[in-house]
Amino acid sequence: MQLEREVTCLRSLNWRCDLLPGRGPLVLEHLLRNGWSAIPGPPGLSVIRHADLHEIALVVRSGRVQIRVHYTVPEAERRQAAERVFVALVRATLGVSSGA
């Protein structure tokens, strides 16, 4: 997995990565058990939010993930905020892989 800033996002609010095919729903379930909350999204898109208001949006079919950093984070700190969410995502992926 690799974290990249969305090319079209000039304010560093949106970041992306890809999960292995079929892993997305399991990873989201893991995050939901660990402090994240589901929020409504359009069909085919699962969205969860952390208490700090950052979001993860998963395109279920492709495994594409968008990390949405909350706009109140100062621009100079947005990459670090995205990296913290990414680390949570990686840990959830490892948790699912290990059966934890």
PDB file of N, CA and C in Angstrom:
ATOM      1  N   MET A   1       0.850  -1.184   0.000  1.00  0.00           N
ATOM      2  CA  MET A   1       0.000   0.000   0.000  1.00  0.00           C
ATOM      3  C   MET A   1       0.890   1.240   0.000  1.00  0.00           C
ATOM      4  N   GLN A   2       0.445   2.227  -0.730  1.00  0.00           N
ATOM      5  CA  GLN A   2       1.199   3.475  -0.817  1.00  0.00           C
ATOM      6  C   GLN A   2       0.231   4.645  -0.736  1.00  0.00           C
ATOM      7  N   LEU A   3       0.563   5.636   0.071  1.00  0.00           N
ATOM      8  CA  LEU A   3      -0.254   6.834   0.228  1.00  0.00           C
ATOM      9  C   LEU A   3       0.195   7.885  -0.776  1.00  0.00           C
ATOM     10  N   GLU A   4      -0.773   8.427  -1.510  1.00  0.00           N
ATOM     11  CA  GLU A   4      -0.490   9.479  -2.488  1.00  0.00           C
ATOM     12  C   GLU A   4      -1.520  10.583  -2.345  1.00  0.00           C
ATOM     13  N   ARG A   5      -1.087  11.811  -2.552  1.00  0.00           N
ATOM     14  CA  ARG A   5      -2.034  12.925  -2.556  1.00  0.00           C
ATOM     15  C   ARG A   5      -2.832  12.860  -3.841  1.00  0.00           C
ATOM     16  N   GLU A   6      -4.142  13.116  -3.747  1.00  0.00           N
ATOM     17  CA  GLU A   6      -4.966  13.173  -4.956  1.00  0.00           C
ATOM     18  C   GLU A   6      -4.430  14.284  -5.847  1.00  0.00           C
ATOM     19  N   VAL A   7      -4.181  13.984  -7.088  1.00  0.00           N
ATOM     20  CA  VAL A   7      -3.574  14.928  -8.021  1.00  0.00           C
ATOM     21  C   VAL A   7      -4.413  16.201  -8.151  1.00  0.00           C
ATOM     22  N   THR A   8      -5.719  16.073  -8.125  1.00  0.00           N
ATOM     23  CA  THR A   8      -6.594  17.229  -8.323  1.00  0.00           C
ATOM     24  C   THR A   8      -6.815  18.044  -7.059  1.00  0.00           C
ATOM     25  N   CYS A   9      -6.303  17.585  -5.924  1.00  0.00           N
ATOM     26  CA  CYS A   9      -6.521  18.303  -4.657  1.00  0.00           C
ATOM     27  C   CYS A   9      -5.321  19.197  -4.356  1.00  0.00           C
ATOM     28  N   LEU A  10      -5.506  20.466  -4.549  1.00  0.00           N
ATOM     29  CA  LEU A  10      -4.408  21.419  -4.362  1.00  0.00           C
ATOM     30  C   LEU A  10      -4.202  21.806  -2.896  1.00  0.00           C
ATOM     31  N   ARG A  11      -5.188  21.544  -2.058  1.00  0.00           N
ATOM     32  CA  ARG A  11      -5.093  21.950  -0.647  1.00  0.00           C
ATOM     33  C   ARG A  11      -4.687  20.803   0.274  1.00  0.00           C
ATOM     34  N   SER A  12      -4.290  19.677  -0.294  1.00  0.00           N
ATOM     35  CA  SER A  12      -3.803  18.511   0.464  1.00  0.00           C
ATOM     36  C   SER A  12      -4.835  17.964   1.442  1.00  0.00           C
ATOM     37  N   LEU A  13      -6.099  17.989   1.048  1.00  0.00           N
ATOM     38  CA  LEU A  13      -7.158  17.445   1.891  1.00  0.00           C
ATOM     39  C   LEU A  13      -7.491  15.999   1.537  1.00  0.00           C
ATOM     40  N   ASN A  14      -7.276  15.606   0.291  1.00  0.00           N
ATOM     41  CA  ASN A  14      -7.649  14.274  -0.164  1.00  0.00           C
ATOM     42  C   ASN A  14      -6.417  13.482  -0.579  1.00  0.00           C
ATOM     43  N   TRP A  15      -6.361  12.262  -0.067  1.00  0.00           N
ATOM     44  CA  TRP A  15      -5.245  11.359  -0.311  1.00  0.00           C
ATOM     45  C   TRP A  15      -5.820  10.019  -0.746  1.00  0.00           C
ATOM     46  N   ARG A  16      -5.015   9.173  -1.365  1.00  0.00           N
ATOM     47  CA  ARG A  16      -5.551   7.904  -1.826  1.00  0.00           C
ATOM     48  C   ARG A  16      -4.556   6.767  -1.671  1.00  0.00           C
ATOM     49  N   CYS A  17      -5.117   5.573  -1.666  1.00  0.00           N
ATOM     50  CA  CYS A  17      -4.348   4.342  -1.683  1.00  0.00           C
ATOM     51  C   CYS A  17      -5.290   3.244  -2.171  1.00  0.00           C
ATOM     52  N   ASP A  18      -4.765   2.069  -2.372  1.00  0.00           N
ATOM     53  CA  ASP A  18      -5.566   0.942  -2.826  1.00  0.00           C
ATOM     54  C   ASP A  18      -5.392  -0.225  -1.876  1.00  0.00           C
ATOM     55  N   LEU A  19      -6.499  -0.898  -1.589  1.00  0.00           N
ATOM     56  CA  LEU A  19      -6.466  -2.121  -0.799  1.00  0.00           C
ATOM     57  C   LEU A  19      -6.455  -3.313  -1.742  1.00  0.00           C
ATOM     58  N   LEU A  20      -6.027  -4.447  -1.233  1.00  0.00           N
ATOM     59  CA  LEU A  20      -6.090  -5.665  -2.030  1.00  0.00           C
ATOM     60  C   LEU A  20      -7.549  -5.975  -2.345  1.00  0.00           C
ATOM     61  N   PRO A  21      -7.820  -6.512  -3.509  1.00  0.00           N
ATOM     62  CA  PRO A  21      -9.199  -6.826  -3.881  1.00  0.00           C
ATOM     63  C   PRO A  21      -9.894  -7.695  -2.830  1.00  0.00           C
ATOM     64  N   GLY A  22     -11.111  -7.325  -2.507  1.00  0.00           N
ATOM     65  CA  GLY A  22     -11.910  -8.090  -1.554  1.00  0.00           C
ATOM     66  C   GLY A  22     -11.635  -7.791  -0.093  1.00  0.00           C
ATOM     67  N   ARG A  23     -10.611  -7.013   0.211  1.00  0.00           N
ATOM     68  CA  ARG A  23     -10.240  -6.738   1.601  1.00  0.00           C
ATOM     69  C   ARG A  23     -10.975  -5.535   2.192  1.00  0.00           C
ATOM     70  N   GLY A  24     -11.450  -4.630   1.343  1.00  0.00           N
ATOM     71  CA  GLY A  24     -12.033  -3.386   1.818  1.00  0.00           C
ATOM     72  C   GLY A  24     -13.105  -3.526   2.874  1.00  0.00           C
ATOM     73  N   PRO A  25     -14.152  -4.315   2.631  1.00  0.00           N
ATOM     74  CA  PRO A  25     -15.207  -4.441   3.639  1.00  0.00           C
ATOM     75  C   PRO A  25     -14.695  -4.992   4.973  1.00  0.00           C
ATOM     76  N   LEU A  26     -13.765  -5.941   4.921  1.00  0.00           N
ATOM     77  CA  LEU A  26     -13.210  -6.493   6.165  1.00  0.00           C
ATOM     78  C   LEU A  26     -12.405  -5.447   6.922  1.00  0.00           C
ATOM     79  N   VAL A  27     -11.643  -4.654   6.195  1.00  0.00           N
ATOM     80  CA  VAL A  27     -10.844  -3.595   6.822  1.00  0.00           C
ATOM     81  C   VAL A  27     -11.759  -2.552   7.462  1.00  0.00           C
ATOM     82  N   LEU A  28     -12.821  -2.159   6.753  1.00  0.00           N
ATOM     83  CA  LEU A  28     -13.757  -1.181   7.326  1.00  0.00           C
ATOM     84  C   LEU A  28     -14.435  -1.724   8.570  1.00  0.00           C
ATOM     85  N   GLU A  29     -14.828  -2.991   8.552  1.00  0.00           N
ATOM     86  CA  GLU A  29     -15.429  -3.600   9.741  1.00  0.00           C
ATOM     87  C   GLU A  29     -14.460  -3.530  10.922  1.00  0.00           C
ATOM     88  N   HIS A  30     -13.200  -3.813  10.663  1.00  0.00           N
ATOM     89  CA  HIS A  30     -12.172  -3.746  11.709  1.00  0.00           C
ATOM     90  C   HIS A  30     -12.085  -2.322  12.278  1.00  0.00           C
ATOM     91  N   LEU A  31     -12.073  -1.314  11.399  1.00  0.00           N
ATOM     92  CA  LEU A  31     -12.001   0.078  11.855  1.00  0.00           C
ATOM     93  C   LEU A  31     -13.262   0.480  12.623  1.00  0.00           C
ATOM     94  N   LEU A  32     -14.419  -0.008  12.185  1.00  0.00           N
ATOM     95  CA  LEU A  32     -15.668   0.310  12.885  1.00  0.00           C
ATOM     96  C   LEU A  32     -15.672  -0.246  14.307  1.00  0.00           C
ATOM     97  N   ARG A  33     -14.989  -1.342  14.524  1.00  0.00           N
ATOM     98  CA  ARG A  33     -14.868  -1.895  15.881  1.00  0.00           C
ATOM     99  C   ARG A  33     -13.829  -1.148  16.718  1.00  0.00           C
ATOM    100  N   ASN A  34     -13.096  -0.212  16.080  1.00  0.00           N
ATOM    101  CA  ASN A  34     -11.999   0.467  16.764  1.00  0.00           C
ATOM    102  C   ASN A  34     -12.091   1.982  16.673  1.00  0.00           C
ATOM    103  N   GLY A  35     -13.288   2.524  16.895  1.00  0.00           N
ATOM    104  CA  GLY A  35     -13.425   3.967  17.051  1.00  0.00           C
ATOM    105  C   GLY A  35     -13.927   4.751  15.857  1.00  0.00           C
ATOM    106  N   TRP A  36     -14.133   4.118  14.732  1.00  0.00           N
ATOM    107  CA  TRP A  36     -14.657   4.800  13.556  1.00  0.00           C
ATOM    108  C   TRP A  36     -16.163   4.598  13.495  1.00  0.00           C
ATOM    109  N   SER A  37     -16.879   5.502  12.806  1.00  0.00           N
ATOM    110  CA  SER A  37     -18.335   5.419  12.674  1.00  0.00           C
ATOM    111  C   SER A  37     -18.722   5.474  11.206  1.00  0.00           C
ATOM    112  N   ALA A  38     -19.713   4.680  10.842  1.00  0.00           N
ATOM    113  CA  ALA A  38     -20.208   4.697   9.463  1.00  0.00           C
ATOM    114  C   ALA A  38     -21.056   5.943   9.247  1.00  0.00           C
ATOM    115  N   ILE A  39     -20.915   6.536   8.079  1.00  0.00           N
ATOM    116  CA  ILE A  39     -21.775   7.658   7.696  1.00  0.00           C
ATOM    117  C   ILE A  39     -22.372   7.334   6.331  1.00  0.00           C
ATOM    118  N   PRO A  40     -23.526   7.918   6.016  1.00  0.00           N
ATOM    119  CA  PRO A  40     -24.182   7.589   4.744  1.00  0.00           C
ATOM    120  C   PRO A  40     -23.334   7.981   3.538  1.00  0.00           C
ATOM    121  N   GLY A  41     -23.375   7.143   2.536  1.00  0.00           N
ATOM    122  CA  GLY A  41     -22.692   7.402   1.274  1.00  0.00           C
ATOM    123  C   GLY A  41     -23.521   6.845   0.140  1.00  0.00           C
ATOM    124  N   PRO A  42     -23.196   7.189  -1.076  1.00  0.00           N
ATOM    125  CA  PRO A  42     -23.946   6.662  -2.218  1.00  0.00           C
ATOM    126  C   PRO A  42     -23.703   5.162  -2.389  1.00  0.00           C
ATOM    127  N   PRO A  43     -24.557   4.481  -3.141  1.00  0.00           N
ATOM    128  CA  PRO A  43     -24.362   3.044  -3.373  1.00  0.00           C
ATOM    129  C   PRO A  43     -22.963   2.763  -3.938  1.00  0.00           C
ATOM    130  N   GLY A  44     -22.338   1.717  -3.408  1.00  0.00           N
ATOM    131  CA  GLY A  44     -21.015   1.328  -3.875  1.00  0.00           C
ATOM    132  C   GLY A  44     -19.866   2.047  -3.199  1.00  0.00           C
ATOM    133  N   LEU A  45     -20.194   3.014  -2.339  1.00  0.00           N
ATOM    134  CA  LEU A  45     -19.165   3.770  -1.623  1.00  0.00           C
ATOM    135  C   LEU A  45     -19.436   3.661  -0.129  1.00  0.00           C
ATOM    136  N   SER A  46     -18.485   3.111   0.606  1.00  0.00           N
ATOM    137  CA  SER A  46     -18.587   3.028   2.065  1.00  0.00           C
ATOM    138  C   SER A  46     -17.752   4.145   2.661  1.00  0.00           C
ATOM    139  N   VAL A  47     -18.334   4.891   3.594  1.00  0.00           N
ATOM    140  CA  VAL A  47     -17.640   6.022   4.202  1.00  0.00           C
ATOM    141  C   VAL A  47     -17.679   5.859   5.715  1.00  0.00           C
ATOM    142  N   ILE A  48     -16.514   6.034   6.343  1.00  0.00           N
ATOM    143  CA  ILE A  48     -16.427   6.011   7.797  1.00  0.00           C
ATOM    144  C   ILE A  48     -15.706   7.263   8.265  1.00  0.00           C
ATOM    145  N   ARG A  49     -16.006   7.671   9.503  1.00  0.00           N
ATOM    146  CA  ARG A  49     -15.440   8.906  10.060  1.00  0.00           C
ATOM    147  C   ARG A  49     -14.891   8.618  11.450  1.00  0.00           C
ATOM    148  N   HIS A  50     -13.756   9.216  11.728  1.00  0.00           N
ATOM    149  CA  HIS A  50     -13.147   9.118  13.058  1.00  0.00           C
ATOM    150  C   HIS A  50     -13.623  10.291  13.910  1.00  0.00           C
ATOM    151  N   ALA A  51     -13.437  10.203  15.196  1.00  0.00           N
ATOM    152  CA  ALA A  51     -13.846  11.283  16.101  1.00  0.00           C
ATOM    153  C   ALA A  51     -13.153  12.603  15.774  1.00  0.00           C
ATOM    154  N   ASP A  52     -11.971  12.546  15.169  1.00  0.00           N
ATOM    155  CA  ASP A  52     -11.266  13.776  14.794  1.00  0.00           C
ATOM    156  C   ASP A  52     -11.759  14.340  13.458  1.00  0.00           C
ATOM    157  N   LEU A  53     -12.824  13.715  12.891  1.00  0.00           N
ATOM    158  CA  LEU A  53     -13.544  14.159  11.695  1.00  0.00           C
ATOM    159  C   LEU A  53     -12.860  13.828  10.372  1.00  0.00           C
ATOM    160  N   HIS A  54     -11.738  13.125  10.395  1.00  0.00           N
ATOM    161  CA  HIS A  54     -11.157  12.632   9.150  1.00  0.00           C
ATOM    162  C   HIS A  54     -12.028  11.474   8.661  1.00  0.00           C
ATOM    163  N   GLU A  55     -12.052  11.267   7.352  1.00  0.00           N
ATOM    164  CA  GLU A  55     -12.892  10.226   6.771  1.00  0.00           C
ATOM    165  C   GLU A  55     -12.085   9.297   5.867  1.00  0.00           C
ATOM    166  N   ILE A  56     -12.596   8.086   5.755  1.00  0.00           N
ATOM    167  CA  ILE A  56     -12.108   7.117   4.786  1.00  0.00           C
ATOM    168  C   ILE A  56     -13.296   6.748   3.915  1.00  0.00           C
ATOM    169  N   ALA A  57     -13.128   6.901   2.606  1.00  0.00           N
ATOM    170  CA  ALA A  57     -14.155   6.488   1.652  1.00  0.00           C
ATOM    171  C   ALA A  57     -13.591   5.335   0.832  1.00  0.00           C
ATOM    172  N   LEU A  58     -14.333   4.255   0.770  1.00  0.00           N
ATOM    173  CA  LEU A  58     -13.899   3.058   0.049  1.00  0.00           C
ATOM    174  C   LEU A  58     -14.839   2.783  -1.109  1.00  0.00           C
ATOM    175  N   VAL A  59     -14.268   2.693  -2.312  1.00  0.00           N
ATOM    176  CA  VAL A  59     -15.022   2.214  -3.466  1.00  0.00           C
ATOM    177  C   VAL A  59     -14.977   0.693  -3.373  1.00  0.00           C
ATOM    178  N   VAL A  60     -16.102   0.102  -2.988  1.00  0.00           N
ATOM    179  CA  VAL A  60     -16.129  -1.314  -2.653  1.00  0.00           C
ATOM    180  C   VAL A  60     -15.664  -2.186  -3.816  1.00  0.00           C
ATOM    181  N   ARG A  61     -16.091  -1.902  -5.006  1.00  0.00           N
ATOM    182  CA  ARG A  61     -15.769  -2.750  -6.162  1.00  0.00           C
ATOM    183  C   ARG A  61     -14.272  -2.771  -6.470  1.00  0.00           C
ATOM    184  N   SER A  62     -13.617  -1.621  -6.404  1.00  0.00           N
ATOM    185  CA  SER A  62     -12.211  -1.538  -6.836  1.00  0.00           C
ATOM    186  C   SER A  62     -11.198  -1.622  -5.699  1.00  0.00           C
ATOM    187  N   GLY A  63     -11.625  -1.330  -4.479  1.00  0.00           N
ATOM    188  CA  GLY A  63     -10.676  -1.279  -3.367  1.00  0.00           C
ATOM    189  C   GLY A  63      -9.962   0.057  -3.249  1.00  0.00           C
ATOM    190  N   ARG A  64     -10.324   1.017  -4.107  1.00  0.00           N
ATOM    191  CA  ARG A  64      -9.719   2.359  -4.043  1.00  0.00           C
ATOM    192  C   ARG A  64     -10.190   3.052  -2.767  1.00  0.00           C
ATOM    193  N   VAL A  65      -9.261   3.647  -2.049  1.00  0.00           N
ATOM    194  CA  VAL A  65      -9.550   4.343  -0.803  1.00  0.00           C
ATOM    195  C   VAL A  65      -9.198   5.816  -0.962  1.00  0.00           C
ATOM    196  N   GLN A  66     -10.079   6.664  -0.484  1.00  0.00           N
ATOM    197  CA  GLN A  66      -9.774   8.088  -0.400  1.00  0.00           C
ATOM    198  C   GLN A  66      -9.766   8.460   1.078  1.00  0.00           C
ATOM    199  N   ILE A  67      -8.676   9.045   1.516  1.00  0.00           N
ATOM    200  CA  ILE A  67      -8.563   9.567   2.876  1.00  0.00           C
ATOM    201  C   ILE A  67      -8.858  11.054   2.779  1.00  0.00           C
ATOM    202  N   ARG A  68      -9.830  11.494   3.572  1.00  0.00           N
ATOM    203  CA  ARG A  68     -10.244  12.895   3.547  1.00  0.00           C
ATOM    204  C   ARG A  68      -9.858  13.556   4.867  1.00  0.00           C
ATOM    205  N   VAL A  69      -8.852  14.385   4.800  1.00  0.00           N
ATOM    206  CA  VAL A  69      -8.387  15.118   5.986  1.00  0.00           C
ATOM    207  C   VAL A  69      -9.370  16.255   6.254  1.00  0.00           C
ATOM    208  N   HIS A  70      -9.728  16.446   7.506  1.00  0.00           N
ATOM    209  CA  HIS A  70     -10.692  17.500   7.840  1.00  0.00           C
ATOM    210  C   HIS A  70     -10.093  18.876   7.526  1.00  0.00           C
ATOM    211  N   TYR A  71     -10.923  19.741   6.993  1.00  0.00           N
ATOM    212  CA  TYR A  71     -10.451  21.048   6.505  1.00  0.00           C
ATOM    213  C   TYR A  71      -9.913  21.964   7.604  1.00  0.00           C
ATOM    214  N   THR A  72     -10.222  21.687   8.865  1.00  0.00           N
ATOM    215  CA  THR A  72      -9.728  22.554   9.937  1.00  0.00           C
ATOM    216  C   THR A  72      -8.261  22.290  10.290  1.00  0.00           C
ATOM    217  N   VAL A  73      -7.698  21.218   9.769  1.00  0.00           N
ATOM    218  CA  VAL A  73      -6.282  20.927  10.014  1.00  0.00           C
ATOM    219  C   VAL A  73      -5.453  21.946   9.228  1.00  0.00           C
ATOM    220  N   PRO A  74      -4.513  22.614   9.884  1.00  0.00           N
ATOM    221  CA  PRO A  74      -3.672  23.575   9.163  1.00  0.00           C
ATOM    222  C   PRO A  74      -2.963  22.901   7.987  1.00  0.00           C
ATOM    223  N   GLU A  75      -2.827  23.624   6.904  1.00  0.00           N
ATOM    224  CA  GLU A  75      -2.277  23.032   5.678  1.00  0.00           C
ATOM    225  C   GLU A  75      -0.918  22.379   5.897  1.00  0.00           C
ATOM    226  N   ALA A  76      -0.081  22.971   6.716  1.00  0.00           N
ATOM    227  CA  ALA A  76       1.255  22.419   6.961  1.00  0.00           C
ATOM    228  C   ALA A  76       1.205  21.073   7.693  1.00  0.00           C
ATOM    229  N   GLU A  77       0.074  20.740   8.310  1.00  0.00           N
ATOM    230  CA  GLU A  77      -0.061  19.499   9.086  1.00  0.00           C
ATOM    231  C   GLU A  77      -0.908  18.446   8.390  1.00  0.00           C
ATOM    232  N   ARG A  78      -1.384  18.724   7.194  1.00  0.00           N
ATOM    233  CA  ARG A  78      -2.328  17.821   6.529  1.00  0.00           C
ATOM    234  C   ARG A  78      -1.673  16.508   6.095  1.00  0.00           C
ATOM    235  N   ARG A  79      -0.464  16.558   5.630  1.00  0.00           N
ATOM    236  CA  ARG A  79       0.197  15.303   5.238  1.00  0.00           C
ATOM    237  C   ARG A  79       0.337  14.383   6.451  1.00  0.00           C
ATOM    238  N   GLN A  80       0.747  14.934   7.587  1.00  0.00           N
ATOM    239  CA  GLN A  80       0.897  14.119   8.793  1.00  0.00           C
ATOM    240  C   GLN A  80      -0.454  13.549   9.233  1.00  0.00           C
ATOM    241  N   ALA A  81      -1.516  14.345   9.106  1.00  0.00           N
ATOM    242  CA  ALA A  81      -2.853  13.857   9.457  1.00  0.00           C
ATOM    243  C   ALA A  81      -3.241  12.697   8.533  1.00  0.00           C
ATOM    244  N   ALA A  82      -2.984  12.847   7.237  1.00  0.00           N
ATOM    245  CA  ALA A  82      -3.288  11.774   6.281  1.00  0.00           C
ATOM    246  C   ALA A  82      -2.463  10.529   6.599  1.00  0.00           C
ATOM    247  N   GLU A  83      -1.220  10.720   6.984  1.00  0.00           N
ATOM    248  CA  GLU A  83      -0.359   9.586   7.317  1.00  0.00           C
ATOM    249  C   GLU A  83      -0.871   8.855   8.557  1.00  0.00           C
ATOM    250  N   ARG A  84      -1.398   9.572   9.536  1.00  0.00           N
ATOM    251  CA  ARG A  84      -1.961   8.920  10.725  1.00  0.00           C
ATOM    252  C   ARG A  84      -3.173   8.064  10.353  1.00  0.00           C
ATOM    253  N   VAL A  85      -4.024   8.577   9.489  1.00  0.00           N
ATOM    254  CA  VAL A  85      -5.174   7.794   9.026  1.00  0.00           C
ATOM    255  C   VAL A  85      -4.683   6.588   8.223  1.00  0.00           C
ATOM    256  N   PHE A  86      -3.695   6.803   7.383  1.00  0.00           N
ATOM    257  CA  PHE A  86      -3.124   5.719   6.581  1.00  0.00           C
ATOM    258  C   PHE A  86      -2.561   4.618   7.482  1.00  0.00           C
ATOM    259  N   VAL A  87      -1.869   4.996   8.552  1.00  0.00           N
ATOM    260  CA  VAL A  87      -1.329   4.012   9.492  1.00  0.00           C
ATOM    261  C   VAL A  87      -2.460   3.199  10.118  1.00  0.00           C
ATOM    262  N   ALA A  88      -3.557   3.852  10.474  1.00  0.00           N
ATOM    263  CA  ALA A  88      -4.716   3.132  11.021  1.00  0.00           C
ATOM    264  C   ALA A  88      -5.248   2.137   9.990  1.00  0.00           C
ATOM    265  N   LEU A  89      -5.265   2.546   8.738  1.00  0.00           N
ATOM    266  CA  LEU A  89      -5.730   1.689   7.654  1.00  0.00           C
ATOM    267  C   LEU A  89      -4.792   0.493   7.469  1.00  0.00           C
ATOM    268  N   VAL A  90      -3.500   0.731   7.492  1.00  0.00           N
ATOM    269  CA  VAL A  90      -2.525  -0.356   7.359  1.00  0.00           C
ATOM    270  C   VAL A  90      -2.645  -1.318   8.540  1.00  0.00           C
ATOM    271  N   ARG A  91      -2.767  -0.779   9.740  1.00  0.00           N
ATOM    272  CA  ARG A  91      -2.905  -1.653  10.918  1.00  0.00           C
ATOM    273  C   ARG A  91      -4.179  -2.483  10.820  1.00  0.00           C
ATOM    274  N   ALA A  92      -5.259  -1.888  10.352  1.00  0.00           N
ATOM    275  CA  ALA A  92      -6.498  -2.643  10.169  1.00  0.00           C
ATOM    276  C   ALA A  92      -6.315  -3.739   9.130  1.00  0.00           C
ATOM    277  N   THR A  93      -5.593  -3.442   8.062  1.00  0.00           N
ATOM    278  CA  THR A  93      -5.320  -4.436   7.023  1.00  0.00           C
ATOM    279  C   THR A  93      -4.521  -5.598   7.599  1.00  0.00           C
ATOM    280  N   LEU A  94      -3.529  -5.276   8.414  1.00  0.00           N
ATOM    281  CA  LEU A  94      -2.722  -6.326   9.047  1.00  0.00           C
ATOM    282  C   LEU A  94      -3.559  -7.125  10.045  1.00  0.00           C
ATOM    283  N   GLY A  95      -4.447  -6.435  10.762  1.00  0.00           N
ATOM    284  CA  GLY A  95      -5.333  -7.112  11.699  1.00  0.00           C
ATOM    285  C   GLY A  95      -6.257  -8.088  11.007  1.00  0.00           C
ATOM    286  N   VAL A  96      -6.764  -7.689   9.857  1.00  0.00           N
ATOM    287  CA  VAL A  96      -7.640  -8.575   9.077  1.00  0.00           C
ATOM    288  C   VAL A  96      -6.839  -9.753   8.545  1.00  0.00           C
ATOM    289  N   SER A  97      -5.615  -9.494   8.092  1.00  0.00           N
ATOM    290  CA  SER A  97      -4.768 -10.546   7.530  1.00  0.00           C
ATOM    291  C   SER A  97      -4.394 -11.581   8.577  1.00  0.00           C
ATOM    292  N   SER A  98      -4.207 -11.121   9.825  1.00  0.00           N
ATOM    293  CA  SER A  98      -3.799 -12.040  10.880  1.00  0.00           C
ATOM    294  C   SER A  98      -4.990 -12.697  11.575  1.00  0.00           C
ATOM    295  N   GLY A  99      -6.196 -12.247  11.231  1.00  0.00           N
ATOM    296  CA  GLY A  99      -7.386 -12.794  11.863  1.00  0.00           C
ATOM    297  C   GLY A  99      -7.701 -12.178  13.194  1.00  0.00           C
ATOM    298  N   ALA A 100      -7.033 -11.058  13.549  1.00  0.00           N
ATOM    299  CA  ALA A 100      -7.254 -10.394  14.845  1.00  0.00           C
ATOM    300  C   ALA A 100      -8.582  -9.679  14.879  1.00  0.00           C
TER     301      ALA A 100
END
